[in-house]
Protein backbone atom coordinates (compact mmCIF):
# COMPACT_ATOMS: atom_id res chain seq x y z
CA ASP A 1 -1.22 19.76 28.05
CA ARG A 2 -3.06 18.80 24.92
CA PHE A 3 -2.84 15.03 25.75
CA ARG A 4 -4.66 13.46 28.55
CA LEU A 5 -3.57 10.24 29.98
CA ARG A 6 -6.59 7.55 29.84
CA ARG A 7 -4.44 4.42 31.33
CA ARG A 8 -1.36 2.97 30.69
CA LEU A 9 -1.11 0.10 27.82
CA SER A 10 2.08 -0.88 28.47
CA ASN A 11 6.16 -0.45 29.36
CA ALA A 12 8.61 -0.19 26.71
CA LEU A 13 12.14 -0.31 26.76
CA TYR A 14 13.12 3.24 27.53
CA GLY A 15 9.50 4.45 28.89
CA PRO A 16 5.68 3.75 29.13
CA VAL A 17 2.94 3.33 26.50
CA GLY A 18 -0.13 5.03 27.26
CA LEU A 19 -3.60 5.66 25.86
CA PHE A 20 -4.42 9.35 25.78
CA GLU A 21 -6.98 11.36 24.82
CA ASP A 22 -6.37 14.21 22.55
CA THR A 23 -7.89 17.33 23.91
CA HIS A 24 -7.45 18.97 20.26
CA HIS A 25 -9.90 16.28 19.29
CA SER A 26 -12.25 15.54 21.82
CA ASP A 27 -13.65 12.14 20.27
CA LYS A 28 -9.66 10.91 19.11
CA LEU A 29 -7.82 8.47 21.54
CA VAL A 30 -4.04 7.85 20.56
CA ALA A 31 -1.40 6.12 21.88
CA LEU A 32 1.81 7.82 22.99
CA LYS A 33 5.34 6.28 23.31
CA GLN A 34 7.81 7.86 26.05
CA VAL A 35 11.22 7.59 25.12
CA SER A 36 13.82 8.78 27.75
CA LEU A 37 16.71 9.46 25.97
CA ALA A 38 18.97 9.16 28.78
CA ARG A 39 18.06 5.52 29.59
CA ALA A 40 18.49 5.03 25.61
CA VAL A 41 22.07 6.39 25.51
CA GLY A 42 23.20 4.15 28.41
CA ALA A 43 21.58 1.01 27.06
CA LEU A 44 23.20 1.34 23.66
CA ARG A 45 26.59 1.78 25.14
CA LEU A 46 26.27 -1.82 26.69
CA ASN A 47 24.47 -3.10 23.76
CA PRO A 48 24.61 -1.13 20.46
CA ASN A 49 22.15 -3.62 19.08
CA MET A 50 19.29 -2.73 21.11
CA ASP A 51 16.24 -0.25 19.72
CA ASN A 52 18.11 3.06 18.75
CA PRO A 53 15.52 5.95 18.85
CA TRP A 54 17.76 7.88 16.76
CA SER A 55 17.20 5.44 13.99
CA GLU A 56 13.50 5.09 15.05
CA HIS A 57 12.99 8.76 14.64
CA ARG A 58 14.43 9.10 10.84
CA VAL A 59 12.18 6.19 9.76
CA ILE A 60 9.03 7.69 11.50
CA THR A 61 9.67 11.02 9.86
CA GLN A 62 10.10 9.49 6.40
CA LEU A 63 6.95 7.73 7.16
CA MET A 64 5.12 10.78 8.31
CA SER A 65 6.01 12.40 4.85
CA LEU A 66 4.34 9.49 2.81
CA PRO A 67 1.18 8.79 2.22
CA VAL A 68 -1.05 6.93 4.69
CA HIS A 69 -0.78 3.22 4.34
CA PRO A 70 -3.73 1.07 5.95
CA ASN A 71 -1.22 -2.00 6.99
CA ILE A 72 1.29 0.80 8.58
CA VAL A 73 0.61 2.19 11.80
CA GLN A 74 -0.04 5.70 11.43
CA PHE A 75 1.89 7.99 13.21
CA ARG A 76 0.03 11.45 13.96
CA GLY A 77 3.26 13.85 15.44
CA GLU A 78 6.36 13.51 17.63
CA PHE A 79 7.96 15.83 20.30
CA LEU A 80 10.81 16.26 22.90
CA THR A 81 9.92 17.40 26.29
CA ALA A 82 12.18 19.41 28.31
CA GLU A 83 13.28 16.24 29.86
CA ASP A 84 15.15 14.92 27.30
CA THR A 85 11.95 12.73 26.58
CA TRP A 86 11.02 11.92 22.86
CA CYS A 87 7.26 11.43 22.74
CA VAL A 88 5.76 9.59 19.33
CA VAL A 89 1.99 9.84 18.91
CA MET A 90 0.28 7.27 17.06
CA GLU A 91 -2.87 5.72 16.15
CA PHE A 92 -4.48 3.75 19.04
CA CYS A 93 -4.97 -0.23 17.68
CA ASP A 94 -7.70 -1.66 20.31
CA GLY A 95 -7.28 -4.91 19.24
CA GLY A 96 -3.91 -5.58 20.74
CA ASP A 97 -1.30 -7.54 18.35
CA LEU A 98 -1.09 -10.78 16.49
CA TRP A 99 0.17 -12.54 18.94
CA ASP A 100 -2.75 -12.08 21.61
CA LEU A 101 -5.00 -12.70 18.69
CA LEU A 102 -3.21 -16.04 18.52
CA GLU A 103 -3.38 -16.79 22.43
CA ASP A 104 -7.35 -16.46 22.09
CA THR A 105 -7.51 -19.22 19.53
CA PRO A 106 -7.63 -22.82 19.99
CA LYS A 107 -3.92 -24.30 19.86
CA ASN A 108 -2.93 -21.07 18.92
CA ARG A 109 -3.83 -21.35 15.61
CA LEU A 110 -5.65 -19.71 13.05
CA PRO A 111 -7.88 -21.31 10.21
CA GLU A 112 -5.74 -21.19 7.01
CA CYS A 113 -7.92 -18.54 5.33
CA VAL A 114 -7.56 -16.33 8.12
CA ALA A 115 -4.10 -16.58 8.40
CA LEU A 116 -3.41 -15.78 4.93
CA ASP A 117 -5.84 -12.92 5.40
CA LEU A 118 -3.86 -11.15 7.95
CA PHE A 119 -0.53 -12.50 6.38
CA ARG A 120 -1.53 -10.94 3.13
CA GLN A 121 -1.74 -7.53 4.94
CA CYS A 122 1.27 -7.86 6.81
CA VAL A 123 3.11 -8.23 3.51
CA ARG A 124 1.04 -5.07 1.67
CA GLY A 125 2.84 -3.27 4.90
CA VAL A 126 6.30 -4.43 4.52
CA ASN A 127 6.06 -3.95 0.47
CA PHE A 128 5.08 -0.42 1.18
CA LEU A 129 7.80 -0.22 3.51
CA HIS A 130 10.75 -1.87 1.22
CA SER A 131 9.51 0.39 -1.84
CA HIS A 132 10.35 3.43 0.09
CA GLY A 133 13.72 1.98 1.24
CA ILE A 134 12.79 1.02 4.62
CA ALA A 135 13.66 -2.18 6.45
CA HIS A 136 11.91 -3.30 9.63
CA ARG A 137 14.44 -5.90 11.20
CA ASP A 138 12.00 -6.72 14.02
CA LEU A 139 8.86 -8.04 12.17
CA SER A 140 7.21 -10.39 14.49
CA LEU A 141 3.52 -11.13 15.36
CA GLU A 142 4.08 -8.82 18.48
CA ASN A 143 4.78 -5.83 16.21
CA VAL A 144 2.05 -6.13 13.90
CA PHE A 145 -1.14 -4.64 15.63
CA TYR A 146 -4.70 -5.46 15.05
CA CYS A 147 -7.91 -2.99 14.71
CA ARG A 148 -11.27 -4.08 13.48
CA GLY A 149 -9.71 -7.03 11.28
CA VAL A 150 -7.13 -4.63 9.84
CA CYS A 151 -3.59 -5.32 10.48
CA LYS A 152 -0.86 -2.61 10.97
CA VAL A 153 2.82 -2.90 11.15
CA GLY A 154 4.53 -0.95 13.84
CA ASP A 155 7.31 -0.64 16.60
CA PHE A 156 10.28 0.90 14.25
CA GLY A 157 12.85 0.69 17.09
CA LEU A 158 15.25 -1.46 15.14
CA SER A 159 14.29 -0.35 11.57
CA THR A 160 16.68 1.18 9.24
CA ASP A 161 16.84 3.20 5.90
CA SER A 162 19.84 1.68 4.84
CA PRO A 163 18.87 -1.91 4.55
CA VAL A 164 21.48 -3.01 1.71
CA ARG A 165 24.23 -4.77 3.07
CA ALA A 166 23.25 -3.55 6.55
CA SER A 167 26.15 -3.98 9.11
CA GLY A 168 26.21 -7.53 11.23
CA GLU A 169 24.08 -6.27 14.05
CA SER A 170 22.29 -9.15 15.30
CA VAL A 171 18.88 -7.81 15.90
CA GLY A 172 15.13 -8.68 16.67
CA LYS A 173 13.56 -11.49 18.59
CA PRO A 174 15.39 -15.25 18.57
CA TYR A 175 12.33 -16.65 16.73
CA TYR A 176 12.22 -14.66 13.87
CA MET A 177 15.77 -13.82 12.99
CA ALA A 178 17.28 -14.91 9.63
CA PRO A 179 20.15 -17.31 9.82
CA GLU A 180 22.30 -14.29 8.47
CA VAL A 181 21.42 -11.93 11.13
CA VAL A 182 22.03 -14.91 14.08
CA SER A 183 25.73 -15.22 12.42
CA CYS A 184 26.21 -11.63 12.65
CA LYS A 185 27.44 -11.26 9.27
CA GLY A 186 26.67 -8.34 6.74
CA TYR A 187 23.15 -9.24 5.26
CA ASP A 188 20.22 -7.54 2.97
CA ALA A 189 17.83 -6.62 5.44
CA PHE A 190 14.93 -6.90 3.16
CA ALA A 191 15.59 -10.47 2.83
CA ALA A 192 16.03 -10.78 6.29
CA ASP A 193 12.70 -9.47 6.66
CA MET A 194 11.13 -11.85 4.27
CA TRP A 195 12.65 -14.64 6.28
CA SER A 196 10.76 -13.02 9.62
CA LEU A 197 7.39 -12.76 7.46
CA GLY A 198 7.91 -16.33 6.66
CA ILE A 199 8.21 -17.32 10.57
CA MET A 200 5.11 -15.25 11.28
CA LEU A 201 3.32 -17.00 8.83
CA PHE A 202 4.58 -20.58 10.22
CA ILE A 203 3.47 -19.55 13.45
CA MET A 204 0.00 -18.32 12.71
CA LEU A 205 -0.58 -21.79 10.47
CA THR A 206 0.78 -24.45 13.05
CA GLY A 207 0.49 -22.51 16.68
CA SER A 208 4.52 -22.80 17.55
CA PRO A 209 7.54 -21.56 15.92
CA LEU A 210 9.41 -23.47 13.56
CA ILE A 211 12.59 -22.98 15.98
CA SER A 212 14.17 -21.31 19.08
CA ASP A 213 16.83 -19.28 16.64
CA ALA A 214 18.43 -20.24 13.70
CA GLY A 215 22.13 -20.80 15.07
CA ALA A 216 24.61 -23.33 13.59
CA ASN A 217 24.51 -24.97 17.14
CA ASN A 218 20.69 -25.55 17.25
CA LYS A 219 19.60 -29.11 16.61
CA ALA A 220 16.15 -28.22 15.56
CA PHE A 221 17.62 -25.70 12.95
CA GLY A 222 19.92 -28.34 11.46
CA ALA A 223 16.88 -30.88 11.17
CA PHE A 224 14.85 -27.98 9.33
CA CYS A 225 18.10 -27.21 7.06
CA GLU A 226 17.94 -30.97 6.09
CA LEU A 227 14.14 -31.60 5.75
CA GLY A 228 12.69 -28.43 4.38
CA VAL A 229 9.67 -27.07 5.72
CA ALA A 230 7.32 -29.29 4.03
CA ARG A 231 8.71 -32.28 5.66
CA VAL A 232 8.69 -30.38 8.83
CA ILE A 233 4.82 -29.68 8.58
CA GLU A 234 4.55 -33.29 7.46
CA SER A 235 6.03 -34.88 10.58
CA TRP A 236 4.08 -32.51 12.82
CA GLY A 237 1.23 -34.06 11.25
CA LEU A 238 -0.25 -30.81 10.16
CA SER A 239 0.05 -31.64 6.16
CA PRO A 240 -3.82 -31.63 6.22
CA ARG A 241 -4.57 -28.64 7.33
CA ILE A 242 -2.41 -26.72 5.33
CA SER A 243 -2.62 -26.24 1.52
CA LYS A 244 0.27 -27.05 -0.93
CA SER A 245 0.27 -23.33 -1.90
CA SER A 246 0.77 -22.35 1.41
CA VAL A 247 3.64 -24.74 1.76
CA ALA A 248 5.60 -23.35 -1.33
CA LEU A 249 4.93 -19.97 -0.19
CA LEU A 250 6.68 -20.72 3.18
CA ASP A 251 9.37 -22.60 1.11
CA ARG A 252 10.09 -19.62 -0.85
CA LEU A 253 10.05 -17.25 2.21
CA LEU A 254 12.21 -19.75 4.44
CA ARG A 255 15.00 -20.42 1.80
CA LEU A 256 18.50 -20.42 3.69
CA ASN A 257 20.28 -18.43 0.67
CA PRO A 258 18.88 -14.79 1.12
CA SER A 259 19.08 -13.97 -2.51
CA GLU A 260 16.67 -17.04 -3.27
CA ARG A 261 14.04 -15.94 -0.68
CA VAL A 262 10.40 -14.35 -2.31
CA THR A 263 10.47 -10.27 -2.48
CA ALA A 264 7.77 -8.40 -0.79
CA ILE A 265 6.43 -7.43 -3.81
CA ALA A 266 6.23 -10.96 -5.39
CA ALA A 267 4.64 -12.43 -1.86
CA ASN A 268 2.34 -9.90 -2.21
CA ALA A 269 1.38 -10.94 -6.04
CA HIS A 270 1.03 -14.41 -4.69
CA LEU A 271 -1.52 -13.56 -2.46
CA SER A 272 -3.20 -11.49 -4.20
CA ASP A 273 -6.32 -13.54 -5.33
CA LYS A 274 -8.88 -11.57 -3.27
CA PRO A 275 -12.06 -12.94 -4.53
CA ALA A 276 -11.05 -16.28 -3.35
CA MET A 277 -9.91 -14.85 0.10
CA ILE A 278 -13.30 -13.14 0.42
CA ARG A 279 -15.48 -16.20 -0.32
CA GLN A 280 -13.85 -18.08 2.38
CA ARG A 281 -13.72 -15.21 4.74
CA CYS A 282 -17.36 -13.94 4.62
CA HIS A 283 -20.42 -16.17 4.92
CA LEU A 284 -23.36 -14.80 3.30
CA LYS A 285 -26.20 -14.03 6.14
CA ASP A 286 -28.84 -11.81 3.81
CA LYS A 287 -29.44 -9.98 0.63
CA VAL A 288 -30.29 -6.35 1.32
CA VAL A 289 -30.45 -4.58 -1.78
CA ASP A 290 -30.83 -5.32 -5.30
CA ALA A 291 -30.26 -2.48 -7.79
CA ARG A 292 -30.34 -1.81 -11.92
CA TYR A 293 -26.76 -2.97 -11.86
CA GLU A 294 -25.54 -3.95 -8.57
CA ARG A 295 -26.41 -5.57 -5.19
CA GLU A 296 -25.80 -5.72 -1.51
CA CYS A 297 -25.01 -8.82 0.64
CA VAL A 298 -24.68 -9.05 4.34
CA CYS A 299 -22.23 -11.47 5.42
CA GLU A 300 -20.45 -13.02 8.61
CA ASP A 301 -16.55 -12.20 8.96
CA ALA A 302 -15.02 -15.21 9.97
CA LEU A 303 -11.63 -13.25 10.73
CA VAL A 304 -13.85 -10.66 13.10
CA HIS A 305 -15.97 -12.61 15.73
CA ASN A 306 -19.69 -11.89 15.56
CA GLU A 307 -18.89 -9.01 12.84
CA LEU A 308 -21.30 -8.40 10.11
CA VAL A 309 -19.88 -6.69 6.61
CA ALA A 310 -21.58 -5.11 3.86
CA ILE A 311 -20.38 -6.56 0.12
CA LYS A 312 -21.50 -4.49 -3.05
CA GLN A 313 -21.06 -6.02 -6.09
CA ALA A 314 -21.46 -4.02 -9.41
CA SER A 315 -21.70 -5.27 -12.82
CA LEU A 316 -19.38 -3.32 -15.24
CA GLU A 317 -20.88 -4.54 -18.05
CA GLN A 318 -24.60 -3.40 -16.90
CA ALA A 319 -23.13 -0.21 -15.68
CA ILE A 320 -21.90 0.61 -19.19
CA SER A 321 -25.10 0.06 -20.82
CA LEU A 322 -27.07 2.23 -18.13
CA LEU A 323 -24.55 5.24 -18.39
CA LYS A 324 -25.22 4.78 -22.27
CA LEU A 325 -28.64 5.61 -21.76
CA HIS A 326 -28.52 7.78 -18.31
CA PRO A 327 -25.19 9.63 -18.49
CA ASN A 328 -25.81 11.23 -14.87
CA ALA A 329 -26.61 7.54 -13.17
CA ASP A 330 -24.13 6.31 -10.63
CA SER A 331 -20.81 5.66 -11.93
CA PRO A 332 -18.65 2.75 -10.19
CA TRP A 333 -15.63 4.15 -11.80
CA GLN A 334 -16.15 7.32 -10.02
CA GLU A 335 -16.85 5.55 -6.96
CA ARG A 336 -14.29 3.58 -7.28
CA ARG A 337 -11.74 6.36 -7.40
CA THR A 338 -13.31 7.71 -4.23
CA ILE A 339 -12.97 4.71 -2.34
CA ALA A 340 -9.98 4.16 -3.11
CA LYS A 341 -8.67 7.54 -1.76
CA LEU A 342 -10.74 6.94 1.63
CA LEU A 343 -9.21 3.64 1.84
CA MET A 344 -5.68 5.39 2.33
CA LEU A 345 -7.28 8.30 4.79
CA PRO A 346 -7.57 7.46 8.50
CA LEU A 347 -10.90 6.22 9.95
CA HIS A 348 -13.41 9.31 10.29
CA PRO A 349 -16.39 8.24 12.85
CA ASN A 350 -19.32 9.57 10.37
CA VAL A 351 -17.98 8.12 7.31
CA ILE A 352 -18.48 4.49 6.09
CA HIS A 353 -15.53 2.42 6.80
CA PHE A 354 -14.58 0.72 3.68
CA ARG A 355 -12.44 -2.54 4.19
CA GLN A 356 -11.26 -3.29 0.47
CA GLU A 357 -12.28 -3.12 -3.00
CA PHE A 358 -11.10 -5.32 -6.42
CA SER A 359 -12.49 -6.19 -9.51
CA TYR A 360 -13.45 -10.04 -10.35
CA ASN A 361 -15.03 -11.50 -13.52
CA GLU A 362 -16.51 -8.15 -14.95
CA SER A 363 -17.57 -7.13 -11.41
CA TRP A 364 -16.50 -4.42 -8.83
CA PHE A 365 -16.67 -5.69 -5.49
CA VAL A 366 -16.89 -3.09 -2.24
CA VAL A 367 -16.49 -4.45 1.46
CA MET A 368 -17.20 -2.18 3.95
CA ALA A 369 -18.70 -1.77 7.39
CA TYR A 370 -22.55 -3.08 7.77
CA CYS A 371 -24.69 -0.65 9.65
């Protein structure tokens, strides 16, 4: 009775996903996934490597007990109906998924600065999962959702909370599966996730999957094993479009030996140059405010077509001098603590949407929605 159907969004493996209005919050739209447990039991008897709603339930229950992360789909609740249908209520991402985003771009590939910004957000989400003992096992562009410039990892049907030396389950989409997963050997699911992330970045930068699958009998995979990712990119004529830094990151993600792959926390550190990304992504349009120790500018966001953002820059050195004279003046440190907390909370329609914040060269920057 609480959820009123607006429209069907898609048909999942065990039931539909719909856009619903939450009548307890009249302004709130949610996505609701319905899972027929009877259908799941029948499918898993035939193929134990299919999406498992019981494993998904364990992971979603764990995620709901953790702080909200901006790059993980937020789960609002779950319940079981009298018809043995498991329902999962989650935030609605109106931008579709990253595969949809790619299909709307020329040659199905993104400018490097945009691809890296999206990828950095994916890595942050995966790093959060791994830090809490969760491996996704089905990372793909189709399972990362997009909402107003923010990427959110979702669809936990194949995820596991026992990732180290996972059983030899060959799970995931063929394009994205690591070699050790294809071979059905016991594997470290964290390392397998990192391979999948590497394939996602490769597709965003080149517009094409690296290989159809990483099986021993696949000729393209054999060529990749012999050449390496840098020479593959060179042979495709894409070296001028992709920086050496990005090629090096791909090389560390797509190592054949899982123990040699970069971890999520290390990849996150590699991508942490936020000032450089902001400079590439945001193009100055107008100066709005010049205050005593801060200024605000309006910028066009290259990642979200025709969207403007406001960027505030506060000089910490000037703020210290001002606060010595006027202790009751605005404190960027107090403001930063508050904004950091808001970044971890669900968006509210009556509160400014903060995109990110960071320090650089003795200044503090905040990127937010432009009103």
